[in-house]
Amino acid sequence: MTRTTKILHLGALSAAAALYVASTTDAAAQNARNCAPRDAVIDRLAEGYGESRQSMGLGANNAVVEVFASDETGTWTITVTTPNGLTCLVASGQSYETLAEALPAKGNDA
């Protein structure tokens, strides 16, 4: 994975972590709808959508933020796993692409 790809994935992971923190105001409701044991979530993403882990990072409170995607179908999912092993779906969508964009040159305001 190139440095640029890593930076892009880190940006996505940071956004997912912020979204997770903002969306966890009612933990009981969150757990009932969008969370399950990690193994069950990973199996569902692989079997139901053909998604595999593309990137990961450590978020607030030692939560693991992961991006799963399928190059074949273009679907993607962002998950957050808490230290107790509970994995919550944070966001999902379509048209996933792996990018390798260069950073702007230093001194360039663009």
C-alpha atoms as a PDB file:
ATOM      1  CA  MET A   1       0.000   0.000   0.000  1.00  0.00           C
ATOM      2  CA  THR A   2       1.464   3.342  -0.999  1.00  0.00           C
ATOM      3  CA  ARG A   3       1.899   6.236   1.387  1.00  0.00           C
ATOM      4  CA  THR A   4      -0.854   8.177  -0.395  1.00  0.00           C
ATOM      5  CA  THR A   5      -3.302   5.290  -0.102  1.00  0.00           C
ATOM      6  CA  LYS A   6      -2.487   5.004   3.593  1.00  0.00           C
ATOM      7  CA  ILE A   7      -3.151   8.718   4.060  1.00  0.00           C
ATOM      8  CA  LEU A   8      -6.486   8.457   2.262  1.00  0.00           C
ATOM      9  CA  HIS A   9      -7.510   5.464   4.354  1.00  0.00           C
ATOM     10  CA  LEU A  10      -6.452   7.284   7.523  1.00  0.00           C
ATOM     11  CA  GLY A  11      -8.705  10.176   6.529  1.00  0.00           C
ATOM     12  CA  ALA A  12     -11.625   7.798   6.012  1.00  0.00           C
ATOM     13  CA  LEU A  13     -10.921   6.131   9.348  1.00  0.00           C
ATOM     14  CA  SER A  14     -10.775   9.489  11.128  1.00  0.00           C
ATOM     15  CA  ALA A  15     -14.093  10.517   9.620  1.00  0.00           C
ATOM     16  CA  ALA A  16     -15.624   7.181  10.640  1.00  0.00           C
ATOM     17  CA  ALA A  17     -14.360   7.544  14.195  1.00  0.00           C
ATOM     18  CA  ALA A  18     -15.843  11.038  14.433  1.00  0.00           C
ATOM     19  CA  LEU A  19     -19.136   9.780  13.030  1.00  0.00           C
ATOM     20  CA  TYR A  20     -19.134   6.899  15.517  1.00  0.00           C
ATOM     21  CA  VAL A  21     -18.542   9.170  18.493  1.00  0.00           C
ATOM     22  CA  ALA A  22     -21.285  11.527  17.321  1.00  0.00           C
ATOM     23  CA  SER A  23     -23.771   8.705  16.752  1.00  0.00           C
ATOM     24  CA  THR A  24     -23.408   6.818  20.028  1.00  0.00           C
ATOM     25  CA  THR A  25     -25.655   9.003  22.164  1.00  0.00           C
ATOM     26  CA  ASP A  26     -28.065   6.142  22.878  1.00  0.00           C
ATOM     27  CA  ALA A  27     -25.946   3.021  23.377  1.00  0.00           C
ATOM     28  CA  ALA A  28     -28.906   0.680  23.917  1.00  0.00           C
ATOM     29  CA  ALA A  29     -30.600   1.686  20.665  1.00  0.00           C
ATOM     30  CA  GLN A  30     -27.289   1.500  18.789  1.00  0.00           C
ATOM     31  CA  ASN A  31     -26.608  -2.028  20.041  1.00  0.00           C
ATOM     32  CA  ALA A  32     -30.070  -3.295  19.144  1.00  0.00           C
ATOM     33  CA  ARG A  33     -29.947  -2.129  15.510  1.00  0.00           C
ATOM     34  CA  ASN A  34     -26.389  -1.992  14.243  1.00  0.00           C
ATOM     35  CA  CYS A  35     -24.123  -4.055  16.503  1.00  0.00           C
ATOM     36  CA  ALA A  36     -23.242  -7.727  16.937  1.00  0.00           C
ATOM     37  CA  PRO A  37     -20.271  -9.882  17.951  1.00  0.00           C
ATOM     38  CA  ARG A  38     -17.339  -9.171  15.603  1.00  0.00           C
ATOM     39  CA  ASP A  39     -17.176 -12.679  14.099  1.00  0.00           C
ATOM     40  CA  ALA A  40     -20.834 -12.512  13.077  1.00  0.00           C
ATOM     41  CA  VAL A  41     -20.400  -9.104  11.427  1.00  0.00           C
ATOM     42  CA  ILE A  42     -17.249 -10.122   9.540  1.00  0.00           C
ATOM     43  CA  ASP A  43     -18.900 -13.341   8.306  1.00  0.00           C
ATOM     44  CA  ARG A  44     -21.976 -11.416   7.127  1.00  0.00           C
ATOM     45  CA  LEU A  45     -19.895  -8.851   5.253  1.00  0.00           C
ATOM     46  CA  ALA A  46     -17.847 -11.587   3.559  1.00  0.00           C
ATOM     47  CA  GLU A  47     -20.667 -13.982   2.723  1.00  0.00           C
ATOM     48  CA  GLY A  48     -23.437 -11.496   1.989  1.00  0.00           C
ATOM     49  CA  TYR A  49     -21.484  -8.762   0.214  1.00  0.00           C
ATOM     50  CA  GLY A  50     -18.084 -10.219  -0.704  1.00  0.00           C
ATOM     51  CA  GLU A  51     -16.370  -7.540   1.379  1.00  0.00           C
ATOM     52  CA  SER A  52     -12.929  -7.918   2.932  1.00  0.00           C
ATOM     53  CA  ARG A  53     -10.981  -5.567   5.178  1.00  0.00           C
ATOM     54  CA  GLN A  54      -9.222  -2.816   3.221  1.00  0.00           C
ATOM     55  CA  SER A  55      -7.845  -0.691   6.061  1.00  0.00           C
ATOM     56  CA  MET A  56      -7.974  -0.263   9.818  1.00  0.00           C
ATOM     57  CA  GLY A  57      -6.954   2.129  12.566  1.00  0.00           C
ATOM     58  CA  LEU A  58      -7.282   2.784  16.270  1.00  0.00           C
ATOM     59  CA  GLY A  59      -9.976   5.277  17.262  1.00  0.00           C
ATOM     60  CA  ALA A  60     -11.099   6.880  20.511  1.00  0.00           C
ATOM     61  CA  ASN A  61     -11.306   4.707  23.624  1.00  0.00           C
ATOM     62  CA  ASN A  62      -9.252   1.938  21.934  1.00  0.00           C
ATOM     63  CA  ALA A  63     -11.996   1.226  19.411  1.00  0.00           C
ATOM     64  CA  VAL A  64     -10.821  -0.384  16.165  1.00  0.00           C
ATOM     65  CA  VAL A  65     -12.172   1.331  13.040  1.00  0.00           C
ATOM     66  CA  GLU A  66     -12.166  -0.783   9.867  1.00  0.00           C
ATOM     67  CA  VAL A  67     -13.124  -0.256   6.235  1.00  0.00           C
ATOM     68  CA  PHE A  68     -14.435  -3.322   4.377  1.00  0.00           C
ATOM     69  CA  ALA A  69     -15.095  -3.305   0.627  1.00  0.00           C
ATOM     70  CA  SER A  70     -15.598  -5.467  -2.420  1.00  0.00           C
ATOM     71  CA  ASP A  71     -13.756  -4.694  -5.653  1.00  0.00           C
ATOM     72  CA  GLU A  72     -16.261  -6.867  -7.511  1.00  0.00           C
ATOM     73  CA  THR A  73     -19.526  -5.290  -6.314  1.00  0.00           C
ATOM     74  CA  GLY A  74     -18.228  -1.863  -5.219  1.00  0.00           C
ATOM     75  CA  THR A  75     -19.977  -2.062  -1.846  1.00  0.00           C
ATOM     76  CA  TRP A  76     -18.220  -0.772   1.269  1.00  0.00           C
ATOM     77  CA  THR A  77     -18.830  -0.762   5.034  1.00  0.00           C
ATOM     78  CA  ILE A  78     -17.166   1.075   7.918  1.00  0.00           C
ATOM     79  CA  THR A  79     -17.260  -0.654  11.297  1.00  0.00           C
ATOM     80  CA  VAL A  80     -16.121   0.189  14.818  1.00  0.00           C
ATOM     81  CA  THR A  81     -15.224  -2.600  17.239  1.00  0.00           C
ATOM     82  CA  THR A  82     -15.165  -1.816  20.960  1.00  0.00           C
ATOM     83  CA  PRO A  83     -12.612  -3.426  23.297  1.00  0.00           C
ATOM     84  CA  ASN A  84     -15.286  -5.910  24.477  1.00  0.00           C
ATOM     85  CA  GLY A  85     -15.607  -7.329  20.925  1.00  0.00           C
ATOM     86  CA  LEU A  86     -18.890  -5.711  19.924  1.00  0.00           C
ATOM     87  CA  THR A  87     -18.783  -4.483  16.308  1.00  0.00           C
ATOM     88  CA  CYS A  88     -21.086  -1.706  15.119  1.00  0.00           C
ATOM     89  CA  LEU A  89     -21.853  -0.702  11.553  1.00  0.00           C
ATOM     90  CA  VAL A  90     -21.172   3.015  11.159  1.00  0.00           C
ATOM     91  CA  ALA A  91     -21.665   3.625   7.437  1.00  0.00           C
ATOM     92  CA  SER A  92     -22.051   1.717   4.175  1.00  0.00           C
ATOM     93  CA  GLY A  93     -22.502   2.446   0.515  1.00  0.00           C
ATOM     94  CA  GLN A  94     -21.620   1.680  -3.070  1.00  0.00           C
ATOM     95  CA  SER A  95     -19.060   2.627  -5.743  1.00  0.00           C
ATOM     96  CA  TYR A  96     -15.944   1.897  -3.660  1.00  0.00           C
ATOM     97  CA  GLU A  97     -12.634   2.717  -5.345  1.00  0.00           C
ATOM     98  CA  THR A  98      -9.062   2.369  -4.144  1.00  0.00           C
ATOM     99  CA  LEU A  99      -7.232   5.624  -4.863  1.00  0.00           C
ATOM    100  CA  ALA A 100      -3.565   6.543  -4.970  1.00  0.00           C
ATOM    101  CA  GLU A 101      -3.600  10.326  -5.243  1.00  0.00           C
ATOM    102  CA  ALA A 102      -0.479  12.376  -4.658  1.00  0.00           C
ATOM    103  CA  LEU A 103      -0.351  15.072  -2.013  1.00  0.00           C
ATOM    104  CA  PRO A 104      -0.196  18.673  -3.280  1.00  0.00           C
ATOM    105  CA  ALA A 105       3.302  20.096  -3.626  1.00  0.00           C
ATOM    106  CA  LYS A 106       4.551  21.999  -0.597  1.00  0.00           C
ATOM    107  CA  GLY A 107       3.903  25.700  -0.855  1.00  0.00           C
ATOM    108  CA  ASN A 108       0.953  25.200  -3.173  1.00  0.00           C
ATOM    109  CA  ASP A 109      -2.301  26.546  -1.750  1.00  0.00           C
ATOM    110  CA  ALA A 110      -4.442  24.305  -3.998  1.00  0.00           C
END
